[in-house]
Structures are given as C-alpha cells and as structure tokens.
N, C-alpha and C. Protein backbone atom coordinates (compact mmCIF):
# COMPACT_ATOMS: atom_id res chain seq x y z
N MET A 1 -38.91 8.79 39.16
CA MET A 1 -38.92 9.09 37.86
C MET A 1 -38.79 7.88 36.78
N HIS A 2 -40.08 8.60 35.80
CA HIS A 2 -40.22 7.09 35.37
C HIS A 2 -39.89 7.73 33.55
N HIS A 3 -39.01 6.30 33.05
CA HIS A 3 -38.72 6.09 31.68
C HIS A 3 -39.25 5.37 30.55
N LYS A 4 -40.30 6.10 29.37
CA LYS A 4 -40.93 5.47 28.72
C LYS A 4 -40.08 4.38 27.87
N LYS A 5 -38.84 4.60 27.47
CA LYS A 5 -38.19 4.01 26.98
C LYS A 5 -36.50 3.24 27.09
N CYS A 6 -35.91 2.16 27.25
CA CYS A 6 -34.99 1.58 27.95
C CYS A 6 -34.18 2.38 26.87
N PRO A 7 -32.83 3.09 27.47
CA PRO A 7 -31.66 3.94 26.70
C PRO A 7 -31.02 3.28 26.20
N TYR A 8 -31.05 1.88 25.99
CA TYR A 8 -30.11 1.34 25.20
C TYR A 8 -31.01 0.30 23.90
N CYS A 9 -31.79 -0.59 23.96
CA CYS A 9 -32.47 -1.17 23.04
C CYS A 9 -33.34 -0.49 22.11
N GLY A 10 -34.47 0.51 23.37
CA GLY A 10 -35.56 1.65 23.35
C GLY A 10 -36.65 0.77 22.86
N GLU A 11 -36.50 -0.26 23.81
CA GLU A 11 -38.03 -1.12 24.07
C GLU A 11 -38.90 -0.07 25.04
N VAL A 12 -40.09 -0.28 24.91
CA VAL A 12 -40.80 0.68 25.38
C VAL A 12 -41.79 0.14 26.24
N GLY A 13 -41.66 0.38 28.02
CA GLY A 13 -42.48 -0.52 28.87
C GLY A 13 -41.63 -0.38 29.98
N TYR A 14 -42.06 0.52 30.99
CA TYR A 14 -41.34 0.68 32.21
C TYR A 14 -41.90 0.49 33.33
N SER A 15 -41.72 -0.44 34.39
CA SER A 15 -42.88 -0.43 35.69
C SER A 15 -41.60 -1.32 36.52
N LEU A 16 -41.73 -0.61 38.06
CA LEU A 16 -41.02 -1.09 39.01
C LEU A 16 -40.01 -1.07 38.94
N GLY A 17 -39.01 -0.40 38.13
CA GLY A 17 -37.20 -0.16 38.70
C GLY A 17 -36.86 -0.89 36.92
N SER A 18 -37.63 -1.30 36.25
CA SER A 18 -36.96 -2.06 34.98
C SER A 18 -37.34 -2.14 34.05
N TRP A 19 -37.62 -1.95 32.75
CA TRP A 19 -38.19 -2.16 31.41
C TRP A 19 -38.29 -3.51 31.35
N ASP A 20 -39.21 -3.62 30.03
CA ASP A 20 -39.93 -4.63 29.61
C ASP A 20 -38.64 -5.91 29.07
N CYS A 21 -37.58 -5.30 28.81
CA CYS A 21 -36.89 -6.09 28.01
C CYS A 21 -35.33 -6.50 29.21
N GLY A 22 -35.91 -6.02 30.60
CA GLY A 22 -35.10 -7.03 31.65
C GLY A 22 -34.28 -5.82 31.86
N THR A 23 -33.80 -5.00 31.42
CA THR A 23 -32.80 -4.02 32.20
C THR A 23 -33.31 -3.31 32.96
N ARG A 24 -32.65 -3.18 33.75
CA ARG A 24 -33.19 -2.51 35.78
C ARG A 24 -32.26 -1.20 35.80
N PHE A 25 -32.77 -0.17 36.12
CA PHE A 25 -32.75 0.93 36.18
C PHE A 25 -32.76 1.46 37.82
N ALA A 26 -31.57 1.91 38.68
CA ALA A 26 -31.96 2.44 39.50
C ALA A 26 -31.26 4.08 39.72
N MET A 27 -32.08 5.13 40.61
CA MET A 27 -31.79 6.08 41.19
C MET A 27 -30.77 6.24 41.67
N GLY A 28 -30.07 6.92 42.05
CA GLY A 28 -28.91 7.72 43.07
C GLY A 28 -27.75 6.96 42.55
N ASP A 29 -27.33 6.32 43.56
CA ASP A 29 -25.41 5.43 43.67
C ASP A 29 -25.65 4.19 42.75
N GLU A 30 -26.69 3.57 42.76
CA GLU A 30 -26.72 2.19 42.23
C GLU A 30 -26.45 2.20 40.79
N ALA A 31 -25.96 1.08 40.52
CA ALA A 31 -25.79 1.13 38.81
C ALA A 31 -26.96 0.48 38.48
N GLU A 32 -27.13 0.88 37.07
CA GLU A 32 -27.69 0.21 36.19
C GLU A 32 -27.49 -1.00 35.31
N ARG A 33 -28.21 -1.90 35.68
CA ARG A 33 -28.18 -3.48 34.95
C ARG A 33 -28.46 -3.34 33.81
N ARG A 34 -28.21 -3.62 32.63
CA ARG A 34 -28.57 -4.28 31.17
C ARG A 34 -29.07 -5.72 31.60
N SER A 35 -29.92 -5.87 30.68
CA SER A 35 -30.40 -7.50 30.54
C SER A 35 -29.67 -7.92 29.20
N VAL A 36 -29.55 -9.58 29.51
CA VAL A 36 -29.14 -10.24 28.48
C VAL A 36 -29.57 -9.94 26.99
N ARG A 37 -31.05 -9.73 26.94
CA ARG A 37 -32.01 -9.00 25.62
C ARG A 37 -31.16 -7.69 25.12
N CYS A 38 -31.70 -6.74 26.01
CA CYS A 38 -30.90 -5.63 25.56
C CYS A 38 -29.81 -5.73 25.28
N CYS A 39 -28.67 -6.71 25.88
CA CYS A 39 -27.19 -6.42 25.14
C CYS A 39 -26.95 -7.20 23.93
N LEU A 40 -28.28 -8.42 23.72
CA LEU A 40 -27.86 -9.13 22.22
C LEU A 40 -28.77 -8.25 21.52
N ARG A 41 -30.18 -7.06 21.37
CA ARG A 41 -30.35 -6.47 20.39
C ARG A 41 -29.07 -5.63 20.77
N GLU A 42 -28.32 -5.28 21.56
CA GLU A 42 -27.53 -3.85 21.00
C GLU A 42 -26.71 -4.77 20.25
N LEU A 43 -25.99 -5.36 20.38
CA LEU A 43 -24.78 -6.33 20.06
C LEU A 43 -25.22 -6.46 18.19
N SER A 44 -26.47 -6.93 18.23
CA SER A 44 -26.83 -6.65 16.95
C SER A 44 -26.87 -5.48 15.78
N GLN A 45 -27.52 -4.73 16.79
CA GLN A 45 -27.29 -3.18 16.11
C GLN A 45 -25.65 -2.97 15.28
N VAL A 46 -25.01 -3.55 16.69
CA VAL A 46 -23.35 -2.87 15.84
C VAL A 46 -23.17 -4.10 15.17
N LYS A 47 -23.07 -5.02 15.33
CA LYS A 47 -22.65 -6.28 13.78
C LYS A 47 -23.34 -5.64 12.33
N GLY A 48 -24.62 -5.06 12.55
CA GLY A 48 -25.16 -4.26 11.00
C GLY A 48 -24.23 -3.34 11.09
N GLN A 49 -23.66 -2.17 11.74
CA GLN A 49 -23.25 -1.35 11.30
C GLN A 49 -21.54 -1.80 11.38
N ARG A 50 -21.40 -2.70 11.45
CA ARG A 50 -19.70 -3.43 10.92
C ARG A 50 -20.05 -3.95 9.74
N ASP A 51 -21.40 -4.61 9.22
CA ASP A 51 -21.46 -5.27 8.10
C ASP A 51 -21.59 -4.18 6.71
N GLU A 52 -22.41 -3.35 7.47
CA GLU A 52 -22.60 -1.56 6.35
C GLU A 52 -21.11 -1.12 6.06
N PHE A 53 -20.52 -0.85 7.26
CA PHE A 53 -19.14 -0.42 6.92
C PHE A 53 -17.81 -1.63 6.01
N LYS A 54 -17.87 -2.51 6.38
CA LYS A 54 -17.01 -3.55 5.75
C LYS A 54 -18.11 -3.57 4.04
N ARG A 55 -19.09 -3.23 4.22
CA ARG A 55 -19.48 -3.21 2.75
C ARG A 55 -19.04 -2.09 1.70
N TYR A 56 -19.31 -0.84 2.98
CA TYR A 56 -18.43 0.03 2.10
C TYR A 56 -16.86 -0.05 2.06
N MET A 57 -16.04 -0.48 2.67
CA MET A 57 -14.92 -0.56 2.70
C MET A 57 -14.38 -1.34 1.31
N ASP A 58 -15.20 -2.61 1.49
CA ASP A 58 -14.79 -3.51 -0.22
C ASP A 58 -14.99 -2.95 -0.76
N LYS A 59 -16.03 -1.37 -1.38
CA LYS A 59 -16.10 -0.82 -2.69
C LYS A 59 -14.85 0.31 -3.07
N LEU A 60 -14.33 0.81 -1.75
CA LEU A 60 -13.27 1.42 -1.95
C LEU A 60 -11.70 0.93 -2.64
N PRO A 61 -11.45 1.16 -3.84
CA PRO A 61 -10.46 0.97 -4.80
C PRO A 61 -8.87 1.37 -4.32
N THR A 62 -8.09 1.13 -4.49
CA THR A 62 -6.88 0.89 -3.89
C THR A 62 -6.06 2.25 -5.01
N TYR A 63 -4.88 2.41 -4.90
CA TYR A 63 -4.55 3.70 -5.71
C TYR A 63 -2.92 4.06 -5.75
N CYS A 64 -2.61 4.55 -6.42
CA CYS A 64 -1.20 5.16 -6.45
C CYS A 64 -1.12 6.06 -6.05
N ALA A 65 -0.17 6.23 -4.66
CA ALA A 65 -0.41 7.27 -3.94
C ALA A 65 0.91 8.69 -4.83
N TYR A 66 1.07 8.21 -6.04
CA TYR A 66 1.97 9.48 -7.22
C TYR A 66 1.02 10.45 -7.68
N CYS A 67 0.18 9.37 -8.54
CA CYS A 67 -0.69 10.34 -9.76
C CYS A 67 -2.41 9.89 -8.96
N GLY A 68 -2.50 8.89 -8.58
CA GLY A 68 -3.80 8.78 -8.13
C GLY A 68 -4.67 7.61 -9.25
N PHE A 69 -4.23 7.12 -9.93
CA PHE A 69 -4.51 6.02 -10.48
C PHE A 69 -5.33 5.06 -9.55
N GLU A 70 -7.04 4.67 -9.81
CA GLU A 70 -7.16 3.59 -8.99
C GLU A 70 -7.68 2.27 -9.57
N VAL A 71 -7.59 1.09 -8.95
CA VAL A 71 -7.54 0.13 -9.19
C VAL A 71 -8.95 -0.94 -7.82
N PRO A 72 -9.88 -1.36 -8.77
CA PRO A 72 -10.86 -2.02 -7.67
C PRO A 72 -10.11 -2.97 -6.82
N ILE A 73 -10.18 -3.07 -5.66
CA ILE A 73 -10.07 -4.58 -4.96
C ILE A 73 -10.38 -5.11 -5.35
N ASP A 74 -9.99 -6.13 -5.67
CA ASP A 74 -9.56 -8.20 -5.89
C ASP A 74 -8.68 -8.78 -5.95
N ASP A 75 -9.41 -9.59 -6.30
CA ASP A 75 -7.78 -10.94 -6.01
C ASP A 75 -6.64 -10.27 -7.24
N LYS A 76 -6.81 -9.22 -8.26
CA LYS A 76 -5.44 -9.15 -8.91
C LYS A 76 -5.16 -7.72 -8.94
N ALA A 77 -5.91 -6.91 -7.72
CA ALA A 77 -5.57 -5.76 -7.32
C ALA A 77 -4.00 -5.10 -7.36
N ALA A 78 -2.79 -6.11 -6.34
CA ALA A 78 -1.25 -6.18 -5.98
C ALA A 78 -1.09 -6.30 -7.48
N SER A 79 -1.30 -6.97 -8.53
CA SER A 79 -0.49 -7.00 -9.44
C SER A 79 -1.07 -5.97 -10.80
N LYS A 80 -2.16 -5.56 -10.52
CA LYS A 80 -2.71 -3.99 -11.37
C LYS A 80 -1.73 -3.23 -10.84
N ILE A 81 -1.79 -2.64 -9.64
CA ILE A 81 -1.06 -1.83 -9.06
C ILE A 81 0.63 -1.79 -9.24
N GLY A 82 0.90 -3.07 -9.15
CA GLY A 82 2.21 -3.36 -9.27
C GLY A 82 3.00 -2.99 -10.78
N VAL A 83 1.93 -3.22 -11.68
CA VAL A 83 1.92 -3.55 -13.44
C VAL A 83 2.23 -1.88 -13.40
N HIS A 84 0.98 -1.04 -12.96
CA HIS A 84 0.75 0.89 -12.87
C HIS A 84 2.55 1.74 -12.28
N ILE A 85 2.82 1.10 -11.20
CA ILE A 85 3.49 1.64 -10.69
C ILE A 85 5.03 1.72 -11.36
N ALA A 86 5.38 0.24 -12.11
CA ALA A 86 6.90 0.03 -12.89
C ALA A 86 6.37 1.16 -14.30
N THR A 87 5.44 1.89 -14.47
CA THR A 87 5.33 2.72 -15.55
C THR A 87 4.54 4.34 -15.14
N CYS A 88 4.41 4.22 -13.77
CA CYS A 88 3.86 5.30 -13.92
C CYS A 88 4.71 6.55 -13.14
N PRO A 89 4.31 7.80 -14.50
CA PRO A 89 5.22 8.87 -14.89
C PRO A 89 5.77 9.85 -13.09
N LYS A 90 4.91 9.79 -12.44
CA LYS A 90 5.35 10.19 -11.18
C LYS A 90 5.70 9.33 -10.21
N HIS A 91 6.05 8.31 -10.18
CA HIS A 91 6.85 7.56 -9.13
C HIS A 91 8.03 7.67 -9.03
N PRO A 92 8.69 8.27 -8.03
CA PRO A 92 10.49 8.28 -7.96
C PRO A 92 10.95 7.60 -8.47
N MET A 93 10.79 6.36 -8.64
CA MET A 93 11.51 5.19 -9.41
C MET A 93 11.88 5.84 -10.78
N ARG A 94 11.14 6.65 -11.16
CA ARG A 94 11.22 7.46 -12.95
C ARG A 94 12.84 8.07 -12.85
N ILE A 95 12.83 8.94 -11.66
CA ILE A 95 13.87 9.92 -11.19
C ILE A 95 15.24 9.28 -11.29
N VAL A 96 15.52 7.84 -10.64
CA VAL A 96 16.41 6.91 -10.48
C VAL A 96 16.44 6.71 -11.80
N GLU A 97 16.08 5.76 -12.57
CA GLU A 97 16.16 5.22 -13.81
C GLU A 97 16.52 6.12 -15.00
N ALA A 98 16.10 7.33 -14.34
CA ALA A 98 16.45 8.59 -15.87
C ALA A 98 18.15 8.62 -15.14
N GLU A 99 19.03 8.94 -13.94
CA GLU A 99 20.02 8.88 -13.73
C GLU A 99 20.80 7.77 -13.90
N ARG A 100 20.16 6.47 -13.84
CA ARG A 100 20.98 5.20 -14.25
C ARG A 100 21.09 5.41 -15.72
N ASP A 101 20.10 5.52 -16.69
CA ASP A 101 19.86 5.62 -17.77
C ASP A 101 21.43 6.63 -18.28
N ARG A 102 21.42 7.92 -17.72
CA ARG A 102 22.26 9.14 -18.31
C ARG A 102 23.34 8.31 -17.99
N LEU A 103 23.67 7.83 -16.58
CA LEU A 103 25.21 7.21 -16.40
C LEU A 103 25.36 5.91 -17.20
N ARG A 104 24.75 5.36 -17.37
CA ARG A 104 24.71 4.27 -18.46
C ARG A 104 25.56 4.85 -19.77
N ASP A 105 24.38 5.87 -20.31
CA ASP A 105 24.83 6.65 -21.46
C ASP A 105 26.18 6.97 -21.84
N GLY A 106 26.79 7.37 -20.85
CA GLY A 106 27.70 8.17 -20.21
C GLY A 106 29.02 7.28 -20.18
N LEU A 107 28.51 6.36 -19.97
CA LEU A 107 29.70 5.08 -19.59
C LEU A 107 29.88 4.31 -21.20
N ALA A 108 29.18 4.10 -21.73
CA ALA A 108 29.16 3.65 -23.44
C ALA A 108 30.02 4.67 -24.05
N LEU A 109 29.89 6.36 -23.64
CA LEU A 109 30.34 7.20 -24.71
C LEU A 109 32.04 7.09 -24.00
N ALA A 110 31.71 6.70 -22.90
CA ALA A 110 33.69 6.46 -22.38
C ALA A 110 34.31 5.46 -23.17
N MET A 111 33.68 4.60 -23.35
CA MET A 111 33.84 3.19 -23.40
C MET A 111 34.20 3.35 -25.16
N GLU A 112 33.25 3.70 -25.98
CA GLU A 112 33.53 4.07 -26.94
C GLU A 112 35.04 5.00 -27.71
N TRP A 113 34.96 6.26 -26.79
CA TRP A 113 36.12 6.81 -26.34
C TRP A 113 37.45 5.94 -26.42
N LEU A 114 36.99 5.15 -25.49
CA LEU A 114 38.33 4.46 -25.10
C LEU A 114 39.16 3.38 -26.01
N ASP A 115 38.08 2.40 -26.53
CA ASP A 115 38.26 1.80 -28.02
C ASP A 115 38.98 2.35 -29.03
N GLU A 116 38.79 3.96 -29.32
CA GLU A 116 39.05 4.40 -30.65
C GLU A 116 40.21 5.14 -30.40
N VAL A 117 40.55 5.67 -28.95
CA VAL A 117 42.05 6.11 -28.73
C VAL A 117 42.79 5.24 -28.39
N CYS A 118 42.44 4.16 -27.55
CA CYS A 118 43.30 2.93 -27.63
C CYS A 118 42.74 1.67 -27.82
N ASP A 119 43.33 0.55 -28.71
CA ASP A 119 43.06 -0.52 -28.76
C ASP A 119 43.43 -1.40 -27.77
N PRO A 120 42.62 -2.37 -26.91
CA PRO A 120 43.14 -2.91 -26.16
C PRO A 120 44.06 -3.67 -26.93
N ASP A 121 44.23 -4.40 -27.60
CA ASP A 121 45.77 -5.42 -27.67
C ASP A 121 46.65 -4.40 -28.09
N CYS A 122 46.91 -3.20 -28.10
CA CYS A 122 48.08 -2.25 -28.37
C CYS A 122 49.30 -2.35 -27.25
N GLU A 123 50.22 -2.17 -27.65
CA GLU A 123 51.29 -2.44 -26.62
C GLU A 123 51.30 -1.37 -25.86
N ASP A 124 50.65 -0.48 -26.05
CA ASP A 124 50.79 0.77 -25.25
C ASP A 124 50.37 1.20 -24.18
N TRP A 125 49.13 0.55 -24.10
CA TRP A 125 48.36 0.18 -22.83
C TRP A 125 49.31 -0.17 -21.57
N THR A 126 49.32 0.54 -20.34
CA THR A 126 49.46 0.26 -19.18
C THR A 126 48.78 -0.92 -18.31
N PRO A 127 49.25 -1.98 -17.90
CA PRO A 127 48.51 -2.90 -17.13
C PRO A 127 47.41 -2.43 -16.38
N GLU A 128 47.80 -1.00 -15.51
CA GLU A 128 46.64 -0.44 -14.83
C GLU A 128 45.44 0.10 -15.88
N GLY A 129 45.64 0.86 -17.30
CA GLY A 129 44.95 1.17 -18.23
C GLY A 129 44.02 -0.26 -18.94
N LEU A 130 44.36 -1.43 -19.09
CA LEU A 130 43.99 -2.72 -19.33
C LEU A 130 42.97 -2.99 -18.18
N LYS A 131 43.17 -2.72 -17.12
CA LYS A 131 42.32 -3.45 -15.83
C LYS A 131 40.79 -2.02 -15.65
N VAL A 132 41.53 -0.64 -16.04
CA VAL A 132 40.17 0.33 -16.20
C VAL A 132 39.42 -0.38 -17.81
N HIS A 133 40.00 -0.59 -18.51
CA HIS A 133 39.17 -0.52 -19.46
C HIS A 133 38.37 -2.25 -19.30
N ALA A 134 38.82 -3.20 -18.93
CA ALA A 134 38.51 -4.34 -18.58
C ALA A 134 37.44 -4.29 -17.87
N ARG A 135 37.33 -3.03 -16.87
CA ARG A 135 35.91 -3.04 -15.55
C ARG A 135 35.13 -2.35 -15.90
N LEU A 136 35.66 -1.56 -16.96
CA LEU A 136 34.58 -0.53 -17.85
C LEU A 136 33.69 -1.47 -18.90
N THR A 137 34.29 -2.40 -19.32
CA THR A 137 33.43 -2.86 -20.22
C THR A 137 33.16 -4.24 -19.43
N ALA A 138 33.30 -4.61 -18.40
CA ALA A 138 31.95 -5.61 -17.54
C ALA A 138 31.23 -4.77 -16.60
N ILE A 139 31.25 -3.64 -16.45
CA ILE A 139 30.29 -2.48 -15.84
C ILE A 139 28.83 -2.26 -16.90
N LEU A 140 29.80 -2.37 -18.02
CA LEU A 140 28.72 -1.81 -19.16
C LEU A 140 28.25 -2.88 -19.71
N SER A 141 28.91 -3.91 -19.71
CA SER A 141 28.17 -5.34 -20.43
C SER A 141 26.91 -5.46 -19.17
N ALA A 142 27.49 -5.35 -17.62
CA ALA A 142 26.81 -5.95 -17.07
C ALA A 142 25.53 -4.97 -16.81
N THR A 143 25.15 -3.80 -16.96
CA THR A 143 23.83 -3.09 -16.95
C THR A 143 23.30 -3.24 -18.13
N GLN A 144 23.67 -3.53 -19.73
CA GLN A 144 23.22 -4.07 -20.32
C GLN A 144 22.47 -5.09 -20.51
N SER A 145 23.34 -6.16 -19.89
CA SER A 145 22.25 -7.77 -19.09
C SER A 145 21.06 -7.40 -18.52
N ILE A 146 21.39 -6.50 -17.14
CA ILE A 146 20.06 -5.64 -16.38
C ILE A 146 18.94 -5.74 -17.35
N GLU A 147 19.22 -5.08 -18.26
CA GLU A 147 17.80 -3.99 -19.00
C GLU A 147 17.65 -5.18 -19.67
N GLU A 148 17.98 -6.17 -20.56
CA GLU A 148 17.56 -7.03 -21.41
C GLU A 148 16.27 -7.74 -20.56
N THR A 149 17.07 -8.39 -18.90
CA THR A 149 16.44 -9.26 -17.94
C THR A 149 15.10 -8.24 -17.80
N LYS A 150 14.85 -7.13 -17.79
CA LYS A 150 13.40 -6.54 -17.26
C LYS A 150 12.60 -6.66 -18.81
N SER A 151 13.02 -6.60 -19.81
CA SER A 151 12.42 -6.56 -21.51
C SER A 151 11.40 -7.91 -21.17
C-alpha cells in the first residue's frame, strides 16, 4: 500500500517504505518510525498553536465573580479588581459589613441609654455595672477607630 502524504508532517513523496521527510512506515506488526525532520516540523506546528493560545489568553480579562465587572489583565489588574471588590454591591462582604454596622449602631444606642440612665461617676453603679460600661465604651471606640483607619 503506497501513501502519498506523510501522516505526521504532510510531506508528499513516498518510496520504498518511507516518505521523503524520512519517516518510515512498515505494514503489519512493525512500528512506524518518525524522522527527526518530521518530528521537528510537527513540534513547530504545536509551538505555533501554543503561541496562538497564549495570545488568546492574554486578551481575556479578569472579572468579579459576583457581578461580572471586567478588568483587562495587565500589571495593575490585581489592584483594580481589589478596588472593585471593596465596593462591589454583590460581594458577600457587603452583608457582613451591613451586619457590623447594624451591631455598631445598636451598641451606640445602648451606650447612649446607659449614659442617660446612669452617670458613670454616680455612686449608684455597682462594680460590675462599671465594668460593663467600661467594656462597652472600649468596644464602641475600637469599632469606630477601625472604621477611621479604613477611610
């Protein structure tokens, strides 16, 4: 059976069991043997496909998984997507931040009520009450200082 094209590199020209590229083909149980020239040609094609795929991937943007906001991939992509995530309305951190704000507001109201009901300098406070007041004041000031450092 005579083949006109090498099945690997496509080179035409076959005689006496091998193609002009040097690849040998044997019928039956013998294995085929590719020539170095044929393998290098095939490797060149694969490298071309790899380079084409790399160019394609370089054009793809990175994006926010929660809202789809896209940022072109460049040296600043990580910081750009980080800035977006900090304000993305669909990011799960917005739920955590809303709960934090709700708790902080409740704590501030509780502190206002405590200050109105009992003056910390008043002799009617029990030692435990003064400790609770001091702890709540520390927690409230800590949550406010955390928010100030973010601004």
